Amino acid sequence: MLRAAGVGLGDEVVVPAFGNVEVAEAVTLAGGLPVFADIDPVTYCLDASAVEAAVTPRTAAIVVVHRFGRSADVARLLGVGQRHGLLVLQQGESEAPYDEVAQRRERASYLDAKLRGVRTPDGGDGHTYQQYVVRVPGNGRPDRDAFARAVRGRGVECRVPVKTPVHRLPEFRRCVALPETERAADETLALPVDASLTKREMQRIVSACNALGGLLQPAF
């Protein structure tokens, strides 16, 4: 995709560090250099202001990744591209049938109303809830990981959506300040919101999370 779009040797491409390593790898395979910009803490997608700050004379493109069923602010990101003469590419998530999305939204609405002590996602316009991602704030990653282990111990499957931001991986390590990316990596947890979940299973999710009070005492 990047080579076909004209990205070549030495070109910089602005990408998110919160998410899959495949995007940065694709830039490298095309001969370019991935440059990481911070995310919006609500959508978990590239923040337009952070992208603009990352642009240099060598920047050729921006890769926008839509995350968890929530869309990036494409209008603002396209505006950045237009101001600097950059290619703006989008990587979307696979679309689910309307009925499935409607059922996920129904389950997400139930969790929004019932969960305590965790920060539920901001639905926003068009959220399809590919994943239902909450925040477990506190004293950083140990709190979120302890919370996840405790929830699993109560029979509820959950997962950490992004275990390590790409800019922390050895092959892409960068000395760059990405505070929202770091915070999201430390606090986010994906809870089940599948269309197949029964009411009893949804109640179990709420019971397991709320029994913990949402926040665990940090270990000292």
Protein backbone atom coordinates (compact mmCIF):
# COMPACT_ATOMS: atom_id res chain seq x y z
CA MET A 1 0.00 0.00 0.00
CA LEU A 2 2.72 2.46 0.98
CA ARG A 3 5.01 1.66 -1.94
CA ALA A 4 2.09 1.90 -4.34
CA ALA A 5 1.29 5.29 -2.87
CA GLY A 6 4.81 6.51 -3.56
CA VAL A 7 6.44 6.19 -0.14
CA GLY A 8 10.09 5.35 -0.62
CA LEU A 9 13.58 5.30 0.82
CA GLY A 10 14.11 7.83 3.60
CA ASP A 11 10.54 9.09 3.68
CA GLU A 12 9.05 9.66 7.12
CA VAL A 13 5.56 8.32 7.79
CA VAL A 14 3.63 9.39 10.89
CA VAL A 15 1.97 6.41 12.60
CA PRO A 16 0.48 5.57 16.01
CA ALA A 17 2.55 3.68 18.58
CA PHE A 18 -0.62 2.51 20.35
CA GLY A 19 -1.60 -0.56 18.40
CA ASN A 20 -0.27 -3.15 16.03
CA VAL A 21 3.38 -3.28 15.06
CA GLU A 22 2.38 -4.20 11.50
CA VAL A 23 1.86 -0.55 10.53
CA ALA A 24 5.40 0.45 11.50
CA GLU A 25 6.75 -2.69 9.85
CA ALA A 26 4.99 -1.81 6.60
CA VAL A 27 6.65 1.62 6.62
CA THR A 28 10.06 0.00 7.12
CA LEU A 29 9.43 -2.52 4.33
CA ALA A 30 8.66 0.37 1.99
CA GLY A 31 12.02 1.92 2.85
CA GLY A 32 10.53 4.63 5.03
CA LEU A 33 11.00 5.65 8.65
CA PRO A 34 8.05 5.36 11.05
CA VAL A 35 7.59 8.47 13.18
CA PHE A 36 5.34 7.99 16.19
CA ALA A 37 2.74 10.54 17.23
CA ASP A 38 0.52 10.53 20.31
CA ILE A 39 -3.13 9.53 20.45
CA ASP A 40 -6.36 11.15 21.49
CA PRO A 41 -7.22 9.68 24.92
CA VAL A 42 -10.90 9.26 24.01
CA THR A 43 -10.70 7.63 20.57
CA TYR A 44 -7.26 5.97 20.98
CA CYS A 45 -6.54 7.12 17.41
CA LEU A 46 -3.91 9.61 16.23
CA ASP A 47 -4.30 13.09 17.65
CA ALA A 48 -4.22 15.68 14.87
CA SER A 49 -2.23 18.23 16.89
CA ALA A 50 0.38 15.60 17.79
CA VAL A 51 0.62 14.56 14.15
CA GLU A 52 1.15 18.14 13.02
CA ALA A 53 3.91 18.57 15.61
CA ALA A 54 5.64 15.44 14.25
CA VAL A 55 5.74 16.64 10.64
CA THR A 56 9.17 17.51 9.20
CA PRO A 57 10.39 18.34 5.67
CA ARG A 58 10.99 14.59 5.20
CA THR A 59 7.43 13.56 6.07
CA ALA A 60 5.61 11.95 3.15
CA ALA A 61 2.50 10.38 4.67
CA ILE A 62 0.26 9.78 7.67
CA VAL A 63 -1.29 6.39 8.41
CA VAL A 64 -4.53 6.74 10.35
CA VAL A 65 -5.69 3.63 12.20
CA HIS A 66 -9.26 3.42 13.48
CA ARG A 67 -9.30 1.66 16.84
CA PHE A 68 -11.74 -0.54 18.80
CA GLY A 69 -14.68 0.41 16.58
CA ARG A 70 -14.18 4.13 17.11
CA SER A 71 -13.15 6.34 14.18
CA ALA A 72 -10.29 8.81 14.20
CA ASP A 73 -10.93 12.51 13.59
CA VAL A 74 -10.41 12.08 9.87
CA ALA A 75 -11.44 15.63 8.95
CA ARG A 76 -8.72 17.19 11.11
CA LEU A 77 -6.11 14.66 10.03
CA LEU A 78 -6.92 15.27 6.36
CA GLY A 79 -6.54 18.97 7.10
CA VAL A 80 -3.02 18.33 8.41
CA GLY A 81 -2.25 16.37 5.26
CA GLN A 82 -3.53 19.12 3.01
CA ARG A 83 -1.59 21.86 4.80
CA HIS A 84 1.68 19.95 4.44
CA GLY A 85 1.08 18.18 1.15
CA LEU A 86 1.04 14.73 2.74
CA LEU A 87 -0.63 11.51 1.74
CA VAL A 88 -3.20 10.39 4.34
CA LEU A 89 -3.89 6.67 4.38
CA GLN A 90 -6.52 4.99 6.53
CA GLN A 91 -6.54 1.53 8.02
CA GLY A 92 -10.03 0.51 9.09
CA GLU A 93 -11.43 -2.39 11.05
CA SER A 94 -13.57 -5.03 9.42
CA GLU A 95 -17.23 -4.11 9.41
CA ALA A 96 -19.70 -6.37 11.18
CA PRO A 97 -23.32 -6.90 10.10
CA TYR A 98 -25.75 -4.24 11.33
CA ASP A 99 -27.58 -6.63 13.66
CA GLU A 100 -24.33 -7.68 15.32
CA VAL A 101 -23.26 -4.06 15.82
CA ALA A 102 -26.67 -3.22 17.28
CA GLN A 103 -26.37 -6.06 19.78
CA ARG A 104 -22.86 -5.00 20.77
CA ARG A 105 -24.10 -1.46 21.32
CA GLU A 106 -26.90 -2.79 23.49
CA ARG A 107 -24.43 -4.72 25.64
CA ALA A 108 -22.08 -1.75 25.78
CA SER A 109 -24.94 0.43 26.98
CA TYR A 110 -25.68 -2.10 29.73
CA LEU A 111 -22.05 -2.07 30.87
CA ASP A 112 -21.93 1.74 30.73
CA ALA A 113 -24.86 1.90 33.13
CA LYS A 114 -23.77 -0.84 35.54
CA LEU A 115 -19.98 -0.72 35.87
CA ARG A 116 -18.49 1.11 38.83
CA GLY A 117 -14.94 2.16 39.56
CA VAL A 118 -13.62 1.86 36.01
CA ARG A 119 -13.81 4.50 33.31
CA THR A 120 -16.15 3.28 30.60
CA PRO A 121 -15.53 4.22 26.94
CA ASP A 122 -16.96 7.37 25.41
CA GLY A 123 -19.34 5.95 22.82
CA GLY A 124 -19.31 8.94 20.50
CA ASP A 125 -20.84 8.92 17.05
CA GLY A 126 -20.73 5.62 15.23
CA HIS A 127 -18.89 3.53 17.83
CA THR A 128 -19.32 -0.12 16.79
CA TYR A 129 -17.62 -1.59 19.87
CA GLN A 130 -15.24 -3.93 18.12
CA GLN A 131 -13.83 -3.96 21.64
CA TYR A 132 -15.27 -2.56 24.86
CA VAL A 133 -12.24 -0.86 26.38
CA VAL A 134 -12.33 0.49 29.92
CA ARG A 135 -9.66 2.26 31.92
CA VAL A 136 -8.43 1.00 35.26
CA PRO A 137 -6.69 4.11 36.59
CA GLY A 138 -4.53 4.02 39.66
CA ASN A 139 -0.82 3.61 40.11
CA GLY A 140 -0.03 2.45 36.59
CA ARG A 141 0.13 -0.93 34.90
CA PRO A 142 0.39 -3.12 38.04
CA ASP A 143 -3.10 -2.00 39.08
CA ARG A 144 -4.61 -2.79 35.69
CA ASP A 145 -2.87 -6.15 35.50
CA ALA A 146 -3.90 -7.09 39.03
CA PHE A 147 -7.47 -6.08 38.22
CA ALA A 148 -7.39 -8.22 35.06
CA ARG A 149 -6.11 -11.26 36.96
CA ALA A 150 -8.81 -10.85 39.59
CA VAL A 151 -11.57 -10.53 36.97
CA ARG A 152 -10.32 -13.64 35.16
CA GLY A 153 -10.29 -15.43 38.50
CA ARG A 154 -14.01 -14.71 38.72
CA GLY A 155 -14.61 -16.41 35.39
CA VAL A 156 -14.67 -13.38 33.09
CA GLU A 157 -12.41 -13.28 30.03
CA CYS A 158 -10.68 -9.97 29.46
CA ARG A 159 -7.52 -8.88 27.71
CA VAL A 160 -5.01 -6.08 27.55
CA PRO A 161 -5.51 -4.56 24.09
CA VAL A 162 -2.00 -3.11 23.70
CA LYS A 163 0.61 -4.71 25.96
CA THR A 164 3.58 -2.73 24.69
CA PRO A 165 3.42 0.44 22.57
CA VAL A 166 5.40 0.10 19.36
CA HIS A 167 7.89 2.83 20.29
CA ARG A 168 8.97 0.68 23.25
CA LEU A 169 9.72 -2.40 21.15
CA PRO A 170 13.46 -3.02 20.60
CA GLU A 171 13.30 -2.76 16.82
CA PHE A 172 11.41 0.55 16.91
CA ARG A 173 12.63 2.09 20.16
CA ARG A 174 12.40 5.88 20.05
CA CYS A 175 13.13 8.58 22.62
CA VAL A 176 9.84 10.34 22.08
CA ALA A 177 7.27 11.72 24.52
CA LEU A 178 3.91 10.01 24.02
CA PRO A 179 2.15 10.52 27.36
CA GLU A 180 -1.36 9.56 26.24
CA THR A 181 -0.06 6.44 24.50
CA GLU A 182 1.86 5.41 27.61
CA ARG A 183 -1.11 6.05 29.87
CA ALA A 184 -3.47 4.10 27.63
CA ALA A 185 -1.08 1.15 27.46
CA ASP A 186 -0.91 1.08 31.27
CA GLU A 187 -4.63 1.49 32.00
CA THR A 188 -6.75 -0.06 29.25
CA LEU A 189 -8.57 -3.38 29.51
CA ALA A 190 -10.97 -4.92 26.98
CA LEU A 191 -14.06 -6.56 28.48
CA PRO A 192 -16.36 -8.94 26.57
CA VAL A 193 -19.11 -7.27 24.56
CA ASP A 194 -19.80 -9.96 21.96
CA ALA A 195 -23.25 -10.15 20.45
CA SER A 196 -23.47 -13.77 21.62
CA LEU A 197 -23.26 -12.91 25.34
CA THR A 198 -26.33 -13.78 27.38
CA LYS A 199 -27.88 -11.56 30.03
CA ARG A 200 -26.50 -13.85 32.74
CA GLU A 201 -23.00 -13.54 31.28
CA MET A 202 -23.31 -9.76 31.17
CA GLN A 203 -24.38 -9.77 34.81
CA ARG A 204 -21.33 -11.87 35.66
CA ILE A 205 -19.03 -9.32 34.02
CA VAL A 206 -20.57 -6.49 36.04
CA SER A 207 -20.53 -8.50 39.26
CA ALA A 208 -16.87 -9.51 38.82
CA CYS A 209 -15.72 -5.95 38.12
CA ASN A 210 -17.85 -4.19 40.72
CA ALA A 211 -16.88 -6.68 43.44
CA LEU A 212 -13.35 -5.33 43.11
CA GLY A 213 -14.48 -1.78 43.55
CA GLY A 214 -12.98 -0.99 40.16
CA LEU A 215 -9.72 0.18 41.72
CA LEU A 216 -7.31 -1.99 43.62
CA GLN A 217 -4.99 -0.61 46.25
CA PRO A 218 -1.56 -0.13 44.68
CA ALA A 219 1.20 -2.34 45.98
CA PHE A 220 3.96 -0.52 47.83
